[in-house]
Structures are given as structure tokens and as C-alpha cells.
Amino acid sequence: MSSERSRKKFLSPEGNWEGFLSVAQGAGLDVDDPHMQELYDYIRVVLPGLQAVDELDLSGVDPAMVYFPPQSIISQEPAQPGT
């Protein structure tokens, strides 16, 4: 089943509880946790809002090239001129 069909089935009014539990278990979550229903309900509210991200046209956009130096470099004292 395509990811688009799975998403539509998951977000349909009747949902797909079994599919959700399967994905949750694959992600290492405890499917017997009493909060799973709460997580399921939350995801069903949030996921449709994220669909806009799938629809973004990023062709021709270069990824940001941000460099975060290791903490050890940041914490060193700057070199003194002439040393």
C-alpha cells in the first residue's frame, strides 16, 4: 500500500488503530501503555496539518549549509596575536 493511501486510511473518520499500533510497536513504543489512545488521537489531529509540508515545492532550493563547530573548539581560548 502506498504511503499516500496509508495516510488517507489512517486519517479517515474510522481511522486505523491496528496500523497505528503496528507502527508504534515498530518504533519501539509500548503498545500496552494506557496513553496510546491519547497519542493516537493527538496524531490524528496534528498529521493533517503537516500535509502542507509535503506540498512544498523545494526544487531549486539549496539546503542550508550551517556549521556547528564541536563544543571543544568553542570552549578553547582564542589564540593570542604573535604567539
N, C-alpha and C. Protein backbone atom coordinates (compact mmCIF):
# COMPACT_ATOMS: atom_id res chain seq x y z
N MET A 1 0.86 -1.17 0.00
CA MET A 1 0.00 0.00 0.00
C MET A 1 0.90 1.23 0.00
N SER A 2 0.58 2.22 -0.84
CA SER A 2 1.39 3.43 -0.93
C SER A 2 1.27 4.23 0.36
N SER A 3 2.26 5.09 0.60
CA SER A 3 2.21 5.89 1.83
C SER A 3 1.03 6.87 1.79
N GLU A 4 0.69 7.37 0.59
CA GLU A 4 -0.45 8.28 0.47
C GLU A 4 -1.75 7.57 0.82
N ARG A 5 -1.92 6.34 0.33
CA ARG A 5 -3.14 5.58 0.67
C ARG A 5 -3.17 5.25 2.15
N SER A 6 -2.02 4.89 2.73
CA SER A 6 -1.97 4.57 4.16
C SER A 6 -2.35 5.79 4.98
N ARG A 7 -1.83 6.95 4.59
CA ARG A 7 -2.12 8.17 5.33
C ARG A 7 -3.61 8.49 5.25
N LYS A 8 -4.18 8.40 4.06
CA LYS A 8 -5.60 8.69 3.90
C LYS A 8 -6.45 7.72 4.72
N LYS A 9 -6.07 6.44 4.73
CA LYS A 9 -6.82 5.46 5.50
C LYS A 9 -6.68 5.75 7.00
N PHE A 10 -5.46 6.10 7.42
CA PHE A 10 -5.21 6.40 8.82
C PHE A 10 -6.02 7.61 9.27
N LEU A 11 -6.14 8.60 8.40
CA LEU A 11 -6.84 9.83 8.75
C LEU A 11 -8.33 9.80 8.45
N SER A 12 -8.81 8.70 7.90
CA SER A 12 -10.24 8.60 7.61
C SER A 12 -11.02 8.63 8.92
N PRO A 13 -12.33 8.91 8.85
CA PRO A 13 -13.12 9.04 10.09
C PRO A 13 -13.02 7.81 11.00
N GLU A 14 -12.93 6.64 10.43
CA GLU A 14 -12.85 5.45 11.29
C GLU A 14 -11.42 5.16 11.73
N GLY A 15 -10.45 5.81 11.10
CA GLY A 15 -9.06 5.64 11.50
C GLY A 15 -8.52 4.26 11.20
N ASN A 16 -7.35 3.98 11.70
CA ASN A 16 -6.71 2.70 11.51
C ASN A 16 -5.89 2.38 12.75
N TRP A 17 -6.57 2.00 13.80
CA TRP A 17 -5.95 1.73 15.10
C TRP A 17 -4.89 0.64 15.00
N GLU A 18 -5.19 -0.42 14.28
CA GLU A 18 -4.25 -1.54 14.17
C GLU A 18 -2.97 -1.09 13.45
N GLY A 19 -3.14 -0.30 12.40
CA GLY A 19 -1.96 0.22 11.69
C GLY A 19 -1.13 1.12 12.58
N PHE A 20 -1.80 1.95 13.35
CA PHE A 20 -1.10 2.82 14.28
C PHE A 20 -0.30 2.00 15.30
N LEU A 21 -0.93 0.97 15.85
CA LEU A 21 -0.23 0.14 16.84
C LEU A 21 0.96 -0.57 16.23
N SER A 22 0.82 -1.00 14.98
CA SER A 22 1.92 -1.67 14.29
C SER A 22 3.11 -0.73 14.12
N VAL A 23 2.84 0.50 13.68
CA VAL A 23 3.90 1.49 13.51
C VAL A 23 4.51 1.86 14.86
N ALA A 24 3.67 2.03 15.87
CA ALA A 24 4.15 2.38 17.21
C ALA A 24 5.06 1.29 17.76
N GLN A 25 4.66 0.05 17.58
CA GLN A 25 5.47 -1.07 18.06
C GLN A 25 6.80 -1.12 17.30
N GLY A 26 6.76 -0.88 15.99
CA GLY A 26 7.98 -0.86 15.19
C GLY A 26 8.92 0.25 15.61
N ALA A 27 8.37 1.33 16.16
CA ALA A 27 9.17 2.45 16.64
C ALA A 27 9.68 2.22 18.06
N GLY A 28 9.31 1.09 18.65
CA GLY A 28 9.80 0.76 19.98
C GLY A 28 8.91 1.23 21.11
N LEU A 29 7.69 1.68 20.80
CA LEU A 29 6.79 2.12 21.86
C LEU A 29 6.06 0.93 22.47
N ASP A 30 5.68 1.07 23.71
CA ASP A 30 4.93 0.03 24.41
C ASP A 30 3.46 0.17 24.03
N VAL A 31 2.96 -0.72 23.18
CA VAL A 31 1.58 -0.61 22.70
C VAL A 31 0.56 -0.90 23.79
N ASP A 32 0.99 -1.43 24.92
CA ASP A 32 0.07 -1.69 26.03
C ASP A 32 -0.02 -0.50 26.99
N ASP A 33 0.74 0.55 26.72
CA ASP A 33 0.71 1.74 27.56
C ASP A 33 -0.67 2.38 27.47
N PRO A 34 -1.23 2.77 28.60
CA PRO A 34 -2.58 3.36 28.58
C PRO A 34 -2.66 4.70 27.84
N HIS A 35 -1.53 5.32 27.54
CA HIS A 35 -1.52 6.60 26.85
C HIS A 35 -1.53 6.46 25.33
N MET A 36 -1.54 5.24 24.82
CA MET A 36 -1.50 5.05 23.37
C MET A 36 -2.73 5.65 22.69
N GLN A 37 -3.89 5.54 23.28
CA GLN A 37 -5.10 6.11 22.69
C GLN A 37 -4.98 7.64 22.62
N GLU A 38 -4.42 8.22 23.66
CA GLU A 38 -4.21 9.67 23.68
C GLU A 38 -3.24 10.09 22.58
N LEU A 39 -2.16 9.33 22.40
CA LEU A 39 -1.18 9.62 21.35
C LEU A 39 -1.82 9.47 19.97
N TYR A 40 -2.62 8.43 19.80
CA TYR A 40 -3.33 8.18 18.54
C TYR A 40 -4.25 9.35 18.21
N ASP A 41 -5.01 9.81 19.17
CA ASP A 41 -5.92 10.94 18.95
C ASP A 41 -5.14 12.21 18.61
N TYR A 42 -4.03 12.43 19.28
CA TYR A 42 -3.21 13.61 19.02
C TYR A 42 -2.64 13.58 17.60
N ILE A 43 -2.10 12.44 17.21
CA ILE A 43 -1.52 12.31 15.87
C ILE A 43 -2.57 12.53 14.80
N ARG A 44 -3.77 12.04 15.04
CA ARG A 44 -4.84 12.22 14.04
C ARG A 44 -5.24 13.69 13.91
N VAL A 45 -4.98 14.51 14.91
CA VAL A 45 -5.27 15.94 14.84
C VAL A 45 -4.11 16.68 14.16
N VAL A 46 -2.88 16.31 14.50
CA VAL A 46 -1.70 17.03 14.04
C VAL A 46 -1.31 16.66 12.60
N LEU A 47 -1.39 15.40 12.25
CA LEU A 47 -0.90 14.93 10.95
C LEU A 47 -1.51 15.65 9.75
N PRO A 48 -2.80 15.93 9.71
CA PRO A 48 -3.33 16.64 8.54
C PRO A 48 -2.70 18.02 8.34
N GLY A 49 -2.34 18.68 9.41
CA GLY A 49 -1.70 19.99 9.30
C GLY A 49 -0.31 19.92 8.71
N LEU A 50 0.32 18.77 8.82
CA LEU A 50 1.66 18.60 8.26
C LEU A 50 1.63 18.29 6.77
N GLN A 51 0.46 18.05 6.23
CA GLN A 51 0.35 17.73 4.81
C GLN A 51 0.88 18.88 3.95
N ALA A 52 0.77 20.10 4.44
CA ALA A 52 1.26 21.26 3.71
C ALA A 52 2.76 21.14 3.44
N VAL A 53 3.50 20.49 4.33
CA VAL A 53 4.93 20.30 4.14
C VAL A 53 5.18 19.42 2.92
N ASP A 54 4.38 18.38 2.74
CA ASP A 54 4.52 17.51 1.58
C ASP A 54 4.27 18.25 0.28
N GLU A 55 3.48 19.29 0.33
CA GLU A 55 3.09 20.01 -0.88
C GLU A 55 4.06 21.15 -1.23
N LEU A 56 5.07 21.40 -0.41
CA LEU A 56 6.03 22.46 -0.70
C LEU A 56 6.88 22.09 -1.91
N ASP A 57 7.05 23.03 -2.82
CA ASP A 57 7.91 22.82 -3.98
C ASP A 57 9.29 23.37 -3.63
N LEU A 58 10.22 22.48 -3.35
CA LEU A 58 11.56 22.88 -2.95
C LEU A 58 12.57 22.65 -4.06
N SER A 59 12.08 22.42 -5.28
CA SER A 59 13.02 22.24 -6.39
C SER A 59 13.74 23.57 -6.61
N GLY A 60 15.02 23.48 -6.77
CA GLY A 60 15.81 24.69 -6.97
C GLY A 60 16.23 25.37 -5.68
N VAL A 61 15.88 24.82 -4.54
CA VAL A 61 16.26 25.40 -3.26
C VAL A 61 17.40 24.58 -2.69
N ASP A 62 18.52 25.24 -2.45
CA ASP A 62 19.67 24.54 -1.88
C ASP A 62 19.48 24.37 -0.38
N PRO A 63 19.96 23.26 0.17
CA PRO A 63 19.85 23.08 1.62
C PRO A 63 20.76 24.08 2.33
N ALA A 64 20.37 24.48 3.51
CA ALA A 64 21.18 25.40 4.31
C ALA A 64 22.47 24.70 4.72
N MET A 65 23.55 25.38 4.54
CA MET A 65 24.85 24.82 4.91
C MET A 65 25.30 25.51 6.19
N VAL A 66 24.85 25.00 7.30
CA VAL A 66 25.15 25.58 8.60
C VAL A 66 26.19 24.70 9.27
N TYR A 67 27.21 25.32 9.82
CA TYR A 67 28.26 24.59 10.50
C TYR A 67 28.20 24.88 11.99
N PHE A 68 28.12 23.84 12.77
CA PHE A 68 28.16 23.96 14.22
C PHE A 68 29.45 23.31 14.70
N PRO A 69 30.46 24.12 15.07
CA PRO A 69 31.74 23.52 15.49
C PRO A 69 31.57 22.72 16.77
N PRO A 70 32.42 21.71 16.94
CA PRO A 70 32.36 20.90 18.18
C PRO A 70 32.55 21.79 19.41
N GLN A 71 31.93 21.43 20.49
CA GLN A 71 31.99 22.21 21.73
C GLN A 71 33.43 22.41 22.19
N SER A 72 34.30 21.44 21.94
CA SER A 72 35.69 21.56 22.39
C SER A 72 36.39 22.74 21.69
N ILE A 73 36.05 23.01 20.45
CA ILE A 73 36.66 24.13 19.73
C ILE A 73 36.10 25.45 20.27
N ILE A 74 34.81 25.49 20.55
CA ILE A 74 34.17 26.71 21.04
C ILE A 74 34.72 27.10 22.40
N SER A 75 35.00 26.12 23.25
CA SER A 75 35.40 26.41 24.62
C SER A 75 36.88 26.77 24.74
N GLN A 76 37.69 26.61 23.69
CA GLN A 76 39.11 26.96 23.78
C GLN A 76 39.29 28.47 23.74
N GLU A 77 40.29 28.93 24.47
CA GLU A 77 40.58 30.35 24.45
C GLU A 77 41.16 30.71 23.09
N PRO A 78 40.83 31.90 22.59
CA PRO A 78 41.37 32.29 21.30
C PRO A 78 42.88 32.46 21.35
N ALA A 79 43.51 32.20 20.23
CA ALA A 79 44.96 32.34 20.16
C ALA A 79 45.34 33.81 20.31
N GLN A 80 46.42 34.08 21.00
CA GLN A 80 46.91 35.45 21.18
C GLN A 80 47.75 35.85 19.97
N PRO A 81 47.57 37.06 19.49
CA PRO A 81 48.37 37.50 18.35
C PRO A 81 49.87 37.43 18.66
N GLY A 82 50.64 36.98 17.70
CA GLY A 82 52.10 36.92 17.86
C GLY A 82 52.59 35.71 18.61
N THR A 83 51.69 34.75 18.95
CA THR A 83 52.17 33.57 19.69
C THR A 83 52.23 32.38 18.79
